[in-house]
Amino acid sequence: MNNSSIEIYRSPEGTVELDVKLENETVWLTQEQMSILFGRDRTVITKHINNCYKEGELDKNITCAKFAHVGQDGDQVYETQMYNLDVIISVGYRVKSVNGTRFRQWANKILKDYLIKGYTINKNITAERYNELKDMVRIMSRTISLQSNVSNDEYSGLFNVISDYIYALDILDGYDYQNLTIAKTTNEEPFKITYENAMQAINALKVKFGDSRWFANEKDNSFKSSIGQIYQTFGGKELYASVEEKAAMLLYLVVKNHSFSDGNKRIAAMLFLWFMEKNGILYGPDKEKRIADNTLVALTLMIAESRTEEMSIMVKVVVNLINREN
């Protein structure tokens, strides 16, 4: 309900009819409108409003606001002081008006309807995504400061992550409520990663790195646990339903769990690309990789330097970059 709107309130008897302003997820009335609603003189309404502030029941800064409106002449702009639902309910109790209860019930229904229709969703989603973006900028800054030998390509990749994710934020902002879920991800998974086939792929990579003794040497059982976590279920449903989410979790878990004596980031990046390729989502319709090589390097560095509580934002970043329809 970021934009202002007007709803008509009519009492059951039809004796009261008010144009009710809806804004900032609540309803607003003037003192004059409350006087009509409760059938009391305006001076009585003013006294009760002042008392609810004086007694500390409500905060005036939160429950009272001035709204601009154009006068009947169409030229002059006026400011009108209005009060939100909390004040209206408080005054209704104080004057012992049955209309106060009826209005509260009507207002709550209207507000609920607006929430269901999604008038507040875009605002909430945008704020959430904006906070995620701030989190990611913070992670990126920490990554740069902690990596002493970040190359120019890796710097470029870090900033590509930001610019690509901003793109995802922009398109999210343009969607209406029905489209704000994760869209057009890949639920069909022709290839399922297992501990056994993953280790085969890792051992093939090991040869490329000189068959080092420590490269891909498992320190514990955490890698097997990471593979299992990707297919974790709750209530009979997978927590990571799409191929994109599984790929993002695979990259994150292999980087963060440090399951190998050496090569954790390289192994994570390889498995990420391998899993996507096996499931047919490595390349976009233009035959280009969905995530450029230097961006993948940057993502891997960011994940490595991120904190445990930042897992959700990092996984969302990866999914958004794989699939620009998100």
Protein backbone atom coordinates (compact mmCIF):
# COMPACT_ATOMS: atom_id res chain seq x y z
CA MET A 1 0.00 0.00 0.00
CA ASN A 2 2.85 2.29 -0.86
CA ASN A 3 0.57 4.47 -3.02
CA SER A 4 -2.35 6.27 -1.46
CA SER A 5 -5.87 5.13 -2.19
CA ILE A 6 -9.41 5.88 -0.98
CA GLU A 7 -12.04 3.39 0.22
CA ILE A 8 -15.64 4.24 1.08
CA TYR A 9 -16.85 3.31 4.57
CA ARG A 10 -20.62 3.03 5.05
CA SER A 11 -22.20 2.20 8.40
CA PRO A 12 -24.70 -0.71 8.40
CA GLU A 13 -27.59 1.73 8.92
CA GLY A 14 -26.34 3.92 6.08
CA THR A 15 -26.20 6.98 8.34
CA VAL A 16 -22.43 7.43 8.05
CA GLU A 17 -20.41 7.53 4.83
CA LEU A 18 -16.72 8.47 4.81
CA ASP A 19 -13.91 8.65 2.27
CA VAL A 20 -11.17 6.74 4.11
CA LYS A 21 -7.55 7.26 3.14
CA LEU A 22 -5.35 4.12 2.95
CA GLU A 23 -1.59 4.64 3.05
CA ASN A 24 1.46 3.11 4.75
CA GLU A 25 -0.46 -0.07 5.58
CA THR A 26 -3.12 1.63 7.69
CA VAL A 27 -6.23 3.81 7.40
CA TRP A 28 -6.42 7.53 8.18
CA LEU A 29 -9.22 9.89 9.25
CA THR A 30 -9.34 13.59 10.09
CA GLN A 31 -10.78 14.88 13.38
CA GLU A 32 -13.86 16.01 11.49
CA GLN A 33 -14.36 12.52 10.04
CA MET A 34 -14.00 10.96 13.49
CA SER A 35 -16.59 13.43 14.75
CA ILE A 36 -19.01 12.17 12.07
CA LEU A 37 -18.12 8.51 12.64
CA PHE A 38 -18.62 8.61 16.43
CA GLY A 39 -21.45 11.15 16.48
CA ARG A 40 -19.56 13.45 18.86
CA ASP A 41 -18.66 17.13 18.72
CA ARG A 42 -15.24 17.82 17.25
CA THR A 43 -14.04 19.38 20.52
CA VAL A 44 -14.70 16.05 22.26
CA ILE A 45 -12.67 14.22 19.60
CA THR A 46 -9.81 16.70 19.97
CA LYS A 47 -9.80 16.26 23.76
CA HIS A 48 -9.60 12.47 23.53
CA ILE A 49 -6.84 12.55 20.91
CA ASN A 50 -4.79 14.90 23.08
CA ASN A 51 -5.34 12.65 26.10
CA CYS A 52 -4.19 9.50 24.32
CA TYR A 53 -0.93 11.30 23.50
CA LYS A 54 -0.59 12.96 26.92
CA GLU A 55 -1.09 9.64 28.73
CA GLY A 56 1.58 7.98 26.59
CA GLU A 57 -0.84 5.48 25.06
CA LEU A 58 0.26 6.35 21.52
CA ASP A 59 3.22 8.02 19.83
CA LYS A 60 2.11 11.10 17.91
CA ASN A 61 5.09 10.89 15.55
CA ILE A 62 3.91 7.48 14.35
CA THR A 63 0.12 7.81 14.47
CA CYS A 64 -0.40 11.36 13.20
CA ALA A 65 0.62 12.72 9.80
CA LYS A 66 -0.06 15.62 7.46
CA PHE A 67 -1.16 14.79 3.92
CA ALA A 68 -1.20 17.21 1.02
CA HIS A 69 -4.28 17.55 -1.14
CA VAL A 70 -5.51 19.89 -3.84
CA GLY A 71 -8.37 22.23 -2.98
CA GLN A 72 -11.68 22.33 -4.79
CA ASP A 73 -10.44 25.22 -6.90
CA GLY A 74 -7.75 22.94 -8.30
CA ASP A 75 -5.00 25.47 -7.78
CA GLN A 76 -4.17 25.57 -4.09
CA VAL A 77 -2.42 22.70 -2.26
CA TYR A 78 -3.44 22.22 1.38
CA GLU A 79 -2.14 20.06 4.21
CA THR A 80 -4.59 18.10 6.33
CA GLN A 81 -3.71 16.50 9.66
CA MET A 82 -4.91 12.91 9.85
CA TYR A 83 -4.79 10.07 12.39
CA ASN A 84 -4.24 6.38 11.82
CA LEU A 85 -6.27 3.36 12.90
CA ASP A 86 -4.63 3.16 16.35
CA VAL A 87 -5.88 6.64 17.20
CA ILE A 88 -9.31 5.96 15.71
CA ILE A 89 -9.69 2.80 17.83
CA SER A 90 -8.49 4.60 20.98
CA VAL A 91 -10.95 7.46 20.51
CA GLY A 92 -13.73 4.97 19.77
CA TYR A 93 -13.14 3.23 23.09
CA ARG A 94 -13.01 6.54 24.96
CA VAL A 95 -16.34 7.80 23.57
CA LYS A 96 -17.86 4.31 23.92
CA SER A 97 -19.16 4.29 20.36
CA VAL A 98 -20.44 1.09 18.74
CA ASN A 99 -19.40 2.61 15.44
CA GLY A 100 -15.79 2.44 16.63
CA THR A 101 -15.97 -1.36 16.80
CA ARG A 102 -17.71 -1.58 13.43
CA PHE A 103 -15.15 0.70 11.81
CA ARG A 104 -12.25 -1.29 13.29
CA GLN A 105 -13.71 -4.52 11.87
CA TRP A 106 -14.23 -2.91 8.48
CA ALA A 107 -10.73 -1.37 8.43
CA ASN A 108 -9.04 -4.65 9.37
CA LYS A 109 -10.88 -6.44 6.58
CA ILE A 110 -9.91 -3.76 4.05
CA LEU A 111 -6.26 -3.86 5.12
CA LYS A 112 -6.22 -7.66 4.94
CA ASP A 113 -7.74 -7.54 1.45
CA TYR A 114 -5.08 -5.11 0.30
CA LEU A 115 -2.35 -7.33 1.67
CA ILE A 116 -3.78 -10.35 -0.12
CA LYS A 117 -4.05 -8.43 -3.39
CA GLY A 118 -0.40 -7.55 -3.03
CA TYR A 119 -0.50 -3.79 -2.65
CA THR A 120 2.17 -4.00 0.05
CA ILE A 121 4.20 -6.82 -1.48
CA ASN A 122 6.25 -4.80 -3.95
CA LYS A 123 7.32 -2.43 -1.21
CA ASN A 124 8.28 -5.26 1.15
CA ILE A 125 10.09 -7.26 -1.52
CA THR A 126 11.97 -4.21 -2.75
CA ALA A 127 13.09 -3.36 0.79
CA GLU A 128 14.18 -6.96 1.37
CA ARG A 129 16.15 -7.06 -1.87
CA TYR A 130 17.69 -3.68 -1.11
CA ASN A 131 18.92 -5.02 2.24
CA GLU A 132 20.27 -8.09 0.46
CA LEU A 133 22.14 -5.83 -1.95
CA LYS A 134 23.67 -3.92 0.96
CA ASP A 135 24.71 -7.25 2.50
CA MET A 136 26.34 -8.30 -0.73
CA VAL A 137 28.22 -5.01 -1.12
CA ARG A 138 29.51 -5.50 2.42
CA ILE A 139 30.63 -9.06 1.61
CA MET A 140 32.32 -7.86 -1.57
CA SER A 141 34.16 -5.12 0.32
CA ARG A 142 35.35 -7.61 2.89
CA THR A 143 36.45 -9.98 0.13
CA ILE A 144 38.56 -7.30 -1.54
CA SER A 145 40.13 -6.20 1.74
CA LEU A 146 41.02 -9.76 2.82
CA GLN A 147 42.43 -10.95 -0.51
CA SER A 148 45.95 -9.61 -0.91
CA ASN A 149 46.47 -10.85 -4.45
CA VAL A 150 43.16 -10.29 -6.24
CA SER A 151 43.80 -9.95 -9.96
CA ASN A 152 42.25 -7.37 -12.28
CA ASP A 153 39.99 -10.08 -13.74
CA GLU A 154 38.80 -11.01 -10.25
CA TYR A 155 38.10 -7.34 -9.43
CA SER A 156 36.13 -7.16 -12.66
CA GLY A 157 34.24 -10.28 -11.66
CA LEU A 158 33.38 -8.86 -8.24
CA PHE A 159 31.85 -5.78 -9.80
CA ASN A 160 30.06 -7.92 -12.41
CA VAL A 161 28.38 -9.73 -9.52
CA ILE A 162 27.03 -6.42 -8.24
CA SER A 163 25.92 -5.12 -11.63
CA ASP A 164 24.28 -8.43 -12.57
CA TYR A 165 22.46 -8.67 -9.26
CA ILE A 166 21.27 -5.06 -9.53
CA TYR A 167 19.76 -6.13 -12.85
CA ALA A 168 17.94 -8.91 -11.02
CA LEU A 169 16.70 -6.41 -8.43
CA ASP A 170 15.45 -4.06 -11.13
CA ILE A 171 13.41 -6.70 -12.90
CA LEU A 172 12.00 -7.90 -9.58
CA ASP A 173 10.79 -4.40 -8.84
CA GLY A 174 8.85 -4.40 -12.09
CA TYR A 175 6.96 -7.59 -11.38
CA ASP A 176 3.53 -7.64 -9.80
CA TYR A 177 2.63 -9.84 -6.85
CA GLN A 178 1.78 -12.96 -8.85
CA ASN A 179 5.24 -13.00 -10.46
CA LEU A 180 7.41 -12.37 -7.43
CA THR A 181 8.16 -15.99 -6.67
CA ILE A 182 11.31 -17.57 -8.11
CA ALA A 183 10.38 -17.96 -11.75
CA LYS A 184 11.44 -20.22 -14.60
CA THR A 185 13.90 -22.32 -12.68
CA THR A 186 14.57 -25.89 -13.78
CA ASN A 187 12.76 -28.56 -11.79
CA GLU A 188 13.57 -31.44 -14.14
CA GLU A 189 16.87 -32.91 -13.03
CA PRO A 190 18.13 -35.50 -15.54
CA PHE A 191 21.41 -35.78 -13.64
CA LYS A 192 21.65 -36.33 -9.90
CA ILE A 193 24.95 -35.74 -8.18
CA THR A 194 26.13 -38.45 -5.80
CA TYR A 195 29.20 -38.78 -3.65
CA GLU A 196 30.57 -41.45 -5.99
CA ASN A 197 30.15 -39.62 -9.31
CA ALA A 198 31.34 -36.35 -7.74
CA MET A 199 34.56 -38.00 -6.52
CA GLN A 200 35.13 -39.43 -10.01
CA ALA A 201 34.89 -35.93 -11.46
CA ILE A 202 37.19 -34.53 -8.75
CA ASN A 203 39.82 -37.22 -9.35
CA ALA A 204 39.77 -36.42 -13.06
CA LEU A 205 40.44 -32.79 -12.15
CA LYS A 206 43.26 -33.87 -9.85
CA VAL A 207 45.31 -35.08 -12.80
CA LYS A 208 45.20 -31.57 -14.30
CA PHE A 209 46.81 -30.20 -11.16
CA GLY A 210 49.81 -32.52 -11.21
CA ASP A 211 48.21 -35.28 -9.15
CA SER A 212 49.19 -33.44 -5.96
CA ARG A 213 49.10 -35.50 -2.79
CA TRP A 214 46.97 -32.96 -0.93
CA PHE A 215 44.67 -31.82 -3.75
CA ALA A 216 41.21 -33.41 -3.26
CA ASN A 217 42.42 -35.31 -0.22
CA GLU A 218 39.36 -35.64 2.03
CA LYS A 219 39.94 -34.53 5.61
CA ASP A 220 36.68 -35.99 6.96
CA ASN A 221 33.17 -37.01 5.87
CA SER A 222 31.93 -33.46 5.39
CA PHE A 223 31.96 -33.66 1.57
CA LYS A 224 29.62 -36.65 1.61
CA SER A 225 27.44 -34.69 4.05
CA SER A 226 27.41 -31.68 1.68
CA ILE A 227 26.09 -33.83 -1.17
CA GLY A 228 23.36 -35.18 1.09
CA GLN A 229 22.40 -31.68 2.24
CA ILE A 230 21.64 -30.59 -1.33
CA TYR A 231 18.86 -33.18 -1.47
CA GLN A 232 17.58 -32.53 2.03
CA THR A 233 13.80 -32.74 2.43
CA PHE A 234 11.24 -31.40 4.88
CA GLY A 235 7.71 -32.74 5.05
CA GLY A 236 8.39 -34.88 1.99
CA LYS A 237 9.47 -31.88 -0.14
CA GLU A 238 12.98 -30.93 -1.19
CA LEU A 239 14.31 -27.78 0.47
CA TYR A 240 16.15 -26.93 -2.76
CA ALA A 241 13.63 -27.87 -5.40
CA SER A 242 15.27 -26.50 -8.54
CA VAL A 243 18.52 -27.38 -10.29
CA GLU A 244 19.64 -23.76 -9.87
CA GLU A 245 19.18 -23.86 -6.10
CA LYS A 246 21.01 -27.18 -5.84
CA ALA A 247 23.89 -25.82 -7.93
CA ALA A 248 24.11 -22.73 -5.73
CA MET A 249 24.11 -24.82 -2.55
CA LEU A 250 26.73 -27.16 -4.02
CA LEU A 251 29.06 -24.22 -4.71
CA TYR A 252 28.45 -22.73 -1.28
CA LEU A 253 28.85 -25.92 0.77
CA VAL A 254 32.00 -27.17 -0.93
CA VAL A 255 33.68 -23.78 -0.52
CA LYS A 256 32.64 -23.30 3.11
CA ASN A 257 33.05 -26.80 4.50
CA HIS A 258 36.76 -27.12 3.59
CA SER A 259 36.36 -30.85 3.12
CA PHE A 260 39.70 -31.23 1.30
CA SER A 261 43.28 -30.58 2.33
CA ASP A 262 43.80 -28.44 -0.77
CA GLY A 263 41.82 -27.10 -3.73
CA ASN A 264 38.43 -26.49 -2.09
CA LYS A 265 37.58 -23.40 -4.20
CA ARG A 266 38.71 -25.02 -7.46
CA ILE A 267 36.79 -28.19 -6.67
CA ALA A 268 33.67 -26.19 -5.77
CA ALA A 269 33.81 -24.17 -9.01
CA MET A 270 34.39 -27.30 -11.10
CA LEU A 271 31.52 -29.22 -9.48
CA PHE A 272 29.23 -26.20 -9.87
CA LEU A 273 29.91 -25.99 -13.63
CA TRP A 274 29.86 -29.79 -14.05
CA PHE A 275 26.50 -30.14 -12.28
CA MET A 276 24.97 -27.33 -14.36
CA GLU A 277 26.35 -28.78 -17.60
CA LYS A 278 25.04 -32.26 -16.80
CA ASN A 279 21.59 -30.77 -16.19
CA GLY A 280 21.64 -28.63 -19.33
CA ILE A 281 21.64 -25.18 -17.71
CA LEU A 282 25.30 -24.16 -18.05
CA TYR A 283 24.64 -22.19 -21.24
CA GLY A 284 21.90 -19.70 -21.99
CA PRO A 285 19.86 -19.43 -25.20
CA ASP A 286 22.69 -17.38 -26.72
CA LYS A 287 25.10 -20.30 -26.17
CA GLU A 288 27.09 -18.19 -23.69
CA LYS A 289 27.84 -19.38 -20.17
CA ARG A 290 25.21 -18.12 -17.76
CA ILE A 291 27.98 -17.08 -15.37
CA ALA A 292 31.24 -15.80 -16.85
CA ASP A 293 34.49 -17.37 -15.62
CA ASN A 294 35.76 -14.27 -13.81
CA THR A 295 32.36 -13.77 -12.17
CA LEU A 296 32.48 -17.37 -10.92
CA VAL A 297 35.93 -16.73 -9.46
CA ALA A 298 34.58 -13.62 -7.73
CA LEU A 299 31.55 -15.49 -6.38
CA THR A 300 33.79 -18.22 -5.01
CA LEU A 301 35.96 -15.64 -3.24
CA MET A 302 32.89 -13.89 -1.83
CA ILE A 303 31.47 -17.15 -0.51
CA ALA A 304 34.82 -18.02 1.07
CA GLU A 305 34.91 -14.69 2.93
CA SER A 306 31.20 -14.61 3.83
CA ARG A 307 29.93 -15.39 7.31
CA THR A 308 27.71 -18.32 8.22
CA GLU A 309 24.67 -16.08 8.73
CA GLU A 310 25.12 -14.77 5.18
CA MET A 311 24.49 -18.15 3.53
CA SER A 312 20.98 -17.24 2.39
CA ILE A 313 22.03 -14.04 0.63
CA MET A 314 24.96 -15.75 -1.11
CA VAL A 315 22.77 -18.61 -2.38
CA LYS A 316 20.18 -16.11 -3.64
CA VAL A 317 22.89 -14.17 -5.45
CA VAL A 318 24.10 -17.30 -7.23
CA VAL A 319 20.56 -18.37 -8.22
CA ASN A 320 19.78 -14.88 -9.54
CA LEU A 321 22.93 -14.87 -11.64
CA ILE A 322 22.27 -18.34 -13.07
CA ASN A 323 18.73 -17.45 -14.02
CA ARG A 324 18.01 -13.83 -14.91
CA GLU A 325 14.27 -14.54 -14.84
CA ASN A 326 14.40 -14.62 -11.01
